[in-house]
Protein backbone atom coordinates (compact mmCIF):
# COMPACT_ATOMS: atom_id res chain seq x y z
CA MET A 1 72.21 -14.63 72.70
CA GLN A 2 73.38 -15.75 69.26
CA LYS A 3 72.70 -19.36 68.30
CA SER A 4 75.59 -21.67 67.50
CA TRP A 5 76.04 -23.90 64.47
CA GLU A 6 75.02 -26.89 66.59
CA GLU A 7 71.79 -25.18 67.70
CA PHE A 8 70.83 -24.17 64.16
CA ARG A 9 71.46 -27.72 62.99
CA LYS A 10 69.49 -29.24 65.85
CA PHE A 11 66.49 -26.97 65.22
CA GLY A 12 66.73 -27.71 61.49
CA ALA A 13 66.59 -31.45 62.18
CA ILE A 14 63.58 -30.98 64.42
CA ALA A 15 61.82 -28.89 61.75
CA VAL A 16 62.42 -31.60 59.13
CA SER A 17 61.13 -34.30 61.48
CA GLN A 18 57.94 -32.21 61.79
CA ASP A 19 57.78 -31.82 57.99
CA ASP A 20 58.38 -28.06 58.33
CA LEU A 21 60.57 -27.58 55.25
CA GLN A 22 60.38 -23.78 55.42
CA GLY A 23 61.61 -23.78 59.02
CA ALA A 24 64.28 -26.37 58.25
CA GLU A 25 65.49 -24.30 55.31
CA ALA A 26 65.81 -21.21 57.51
CA TYR A 27 67.68 -23.03 60.29
CA TRP A 28 69.97 -24.95 57.96
CA PHE A 29 70.69 -21.84 55.93
CA ALA A 30 71.70 -20.16 59.21
CA ALA A 31 73.85 -23.21 60.04
CA LEU A 32 75.48 -22.93 56.62
CA GLN A 33 76.18 -19.24 57.15
CA ALA A 34 77.81 -20.07 60.50
CA ALA A 35 79.79 -22.91 58.90
CA GLU A 36 81.16 -20.61 56.19
CA ALA A 37 83.46 -19.20 58.91
CA PHE A 38 85.03 -22.64 59.43
CA GLU A 39 87.94 -24.04 57.45
CA ARG A 40 86.98 -25.14 53.94
CA THR A 41 87.80 -28.73 54.91
CA ASP A 42 85.73 -28.67 58.13
CA SER A 43 83.10 -31.42 57.94
CA ARG A 44 80.47 -29.08 59.43
CA LEU A 45 80.53 -27.02 56.24
CA LEU A 46 79.80 -30.07 54.06
CA ILE A 47 77.18 -31.34 56.50
CA SER A 48 75.42 -27.96 56.49
CA MET A 49 75.36 -27.90 52.70
CA GLU A 50 74.08 -31.48 52.57
CA ASP A 51 71.30 -30.75 55.08
CA LEU A 52 70.18 -27.71 53.11
CA ALA A 53 70.42 -29.55 49.77
CA VAL A 54 68.06 -32.24 51.07
CA VAL A 55 65.52 -29.61 52.10
CA PHE A 56 65.78 -27.99 48.67
CA TRP A 57 65.32 -31.41 47.02
CA ARG A 58 62.31 -32.28 49.18
CA GLY A 59 60.81 -28.86 48.45
CA ALA A 60 61.28 -29.35 44.67
CA LYS A 61 63.85 -26.53 44.56
CA PHE A 62 66.02 -28.54 42.21
CA VAL A 63 68.12 -25.68 40.83
CA GLN A 64 69.14 -24.64 44.35
CA ALA A 65 69.79 -28.26 45.34
CA GLU A 66 71.94 -28.69 42.22
CA ALA A 67 74.06 -25.61 42.95
CA LEU A 68 74.62 -26.68 46.52
CA SER A 69 75.36 -30.28 45.49
CA LEU A 70 78.04 -29.06 43.10
CA ARG A 71 79.66 -27.24 46.04
CA ILE A 72 79.37 -30.39 48.14
CA LEU A 73 81.02 -32.41 45.37
CA SER A 74 83.88 -29.93 45.22
CA GLY A 75 84.28 -30.13 48.98
CA TYR A 76 84.39 -33.92 48.96
CA HIS A 77 86.93 -33.92 46.13
CA LEU A 78 89.09 -31.71 48.34
CA THR A 79 88.63 -33.64 51.59
CA VAL A 80 88.39 -37.32 50.60
CA GLY A 81 89.47 -37.52 46.95
CA GLU A 82 87.69 -38.31 43.71
CA ASN A 83 87.13 -42.05 44.27
CA HIS A 84 85.59 -42.02 47.73
CA PRO A 85 82.09 -43.52 48.16
CA ASP A 86 80.74 -40.15 49.34
CA VAL A 87 81.75 -38.67 45.97
CA GLY A 88 79.80 -41.47 44.28
CA ILE A 89 76.77 -40.73 46.47
CA ILE A 90 76.88 -37.00 45.68
CA LYS A 91 77.24 -37.77 41.94
CA SER A 92 74.20 -40.03 42.21
CA ASN A 93 72.23 -37.26 43.94
CA LEU A 94 73.27 -34.83 41.20
CA ALA A 95 72.16 -37.36 38.58
CA LEU A 96 68.76 -37.53 40.28
CA LEU A 97 68.49 -33.73 40.30
CA TYR A 98 69.42 -33.53 36.61
CA LYS A 99 66.86 -36.25 35.78
CA LEU A 100 64.15 -34.31 37.62
CA GLN A 101 65.08 -31.20 35.61
CA LEU A 102 64.94 -33.24 32.36
CA LYS A 103 68.69 -32.75 31.82
CA TYR A 104 69.08 -36.32 30.73
CA GLN A 105 72.62 -36.23 29.33
CA GLU A 106 74.02 -34.62 32.50
CA SER A 107 72.05 -37.16 34.54
CA GLU A 108 73.45 -40.08 32.57
CA ASP A 109 77.02 -38.80 32.91
CA HIS A 110 76.68 -38.52 36.67
CA TYR A 111 74.96 -41.91 37.05
CA ARG A 112 77.80 -43.55 35.11
CA GLN A 113 80.44 -41.79 37.23
CA ALA A 114 78.60 -42.68 40.44
CA LEU A 115 78.31 -46.33 39.45
CA THR A 116 82.00 -46.53 38.55
CA ILE A 117 82.97 -45.23 42.00
CA LEU A 118 80.37 -47.15 43.99
CA ILE A 119 80.98 -50.49 42.27
CA ARG A 120 84.72 -50.09 42.81
CA CYS A 121 84.15 -49.32 46.51
CA PHE A 122 81.27 -51.64 47.39
CA GLY A 123 80.83 -54.26 44.70
CA PHE A 124 78.00 -54.88 42.29
CA GLN A 125 75.34 -56.10 44.76
CA HIS A 126 75.61 -53.37 47.43
CA PRO A 127 72.22 -51.71 48.17
CA ASP A 128 73.47 -48.24 47.14
CA VAL A 129 74.82 -49.66 43.87
CA ARG A 130 71.54 -51.45 43.19
CA SER A 131 69.56 -48.27 43.91
CA VAL A 132 71.72 -46.20 41.56
CA ARG A 133 71.51 -48.90 38.86
CA ALA A 134 67.71 -48.90 39.14
CA ALA A 135 67.54 -45.10 38.90
CA TYR A 136 69.93 -45.17 35.92
CA GLY A 137 67.73 -47.77 34.26
CA GLN A 138 64.71 -45.52 34.71
CA LEU A 139 66.62 -42.66 33.15
CA LEU A 140 67.46 -44.80 30.12
CA THR A 141 63.77 -45.68 29.80
CA LEU A 142 62.90 -41.98 29.86
CA MET A 143 65.50 -41.43 27.15
CA GLY A 144 63.83 -44.09 24.96
CA ARG A 145 66.69 -46.57 25.42
CA GLU A 146 64.54 -49.49 26.55
CA ARG A 147 66.95 -52.26 25.60
CA GLU A 148 69.80 -50.74 27.61
CA ALA A 149 67.49 -50.11 30.54
CA LYS A 150 66.40 -53.75 30.59
CA GLU A 151 70.01 -54.95 30.42
CA ILE A 152 71.04 -52.74 33.35
CA CYS A 153 68.04 -53.62 35.49
CA ALA A 154 67.76 -57.31 34.60
CA SER A 155 69.25 -58.46 37.90
CA LEU A 156 67.22 -56.09 40.05
CA ALA A 157 64.08 -57.35 41.77
CA ALA A 158 62.28 -54.03 41.41
CA MET A 159 63.14 -50.64 40.02
CA SER A 160 63.37 -47.73 42.42
CA PRO A 161 62.37 -44.22 41.33
CA GLY A 162 65.59 -42.94 42.87
CA ARG A 163 66.20 -41.54 46.29
CA TRP A 164 68.37 -38.98 47.94
CA VAL A 165 71.18 -40.76 49.73
CA ARG A 166 73.19 -39.32 52.60
CA THR A 167 76.97 -39.48 52.53
CA GLY A 168 78.84 -41.55 55.10
CA SER A 169 80.29 -38.38 56.60
CA TRP A 170 76.81 -36.99 57.22
CA LYS A 171 75.63 -40.27 58.77
CA THR A 172 78.66 -40.47 61.06
CA TYR A 173 78.19 -36.93 62.34
CA GLN A 174 74.45 -37.46 62.77
CA ASN A 175 75.07 -40.53 64.93
CA LEU A 176 77.67 -38.72 67.05
CA GLU A 177 75.29 -35.84 67.72
CA GLY A 178 72.28 -38.07 68.48
CA LEU A 179 70.06 -36.01 66.15
CA PRO A 180 66.96 -37.48 64.55
CA ASP A 181 67.59 -38.85 61.09
CA ALA A 182 65.91 -36.62 58.53
CA PRO A 183 63.80 -38.45 55.94
CA THR A 184 65.64 -38.77 52.65
CA GLY A 185 62.83 -39.83 50.38
């Protein structure tokens, strides 16, 4: 019997919870292949890509995570528009991937875009905004722009190295399905 999208996703979540990234990659790749048959605007397609992108990120497969994240960004532009918080989250994740690949200018561009969207949606003191600001400050430090980094991070209690953040759409679906929450770093 052929497994369904839901089964692939469930087994992928279990594999991640057991720290089996290779197994999770295989299951979530199968879920993505199944989701490719759905409408382009079907949330299961974006969720499958996001699940797989996280596994790539956790496995230090940054080029693959970047390519998939660009597809996710395109999908969110299509489904929710350019100024939705999920677009800001994906831009922040892309910025993190670019920073890890030492593509500092691309990283800075995406951090700035993410902050513009997230501040507009959530305000300056929201935890996601603070996390992105801290990561952006670290990037500026890496780029030798200490003064700017200190200005950006002055109001933060501690700087975060950056973390992968799940979109609201992913979180909503995860809660509906009752699946274990995969670690995001």
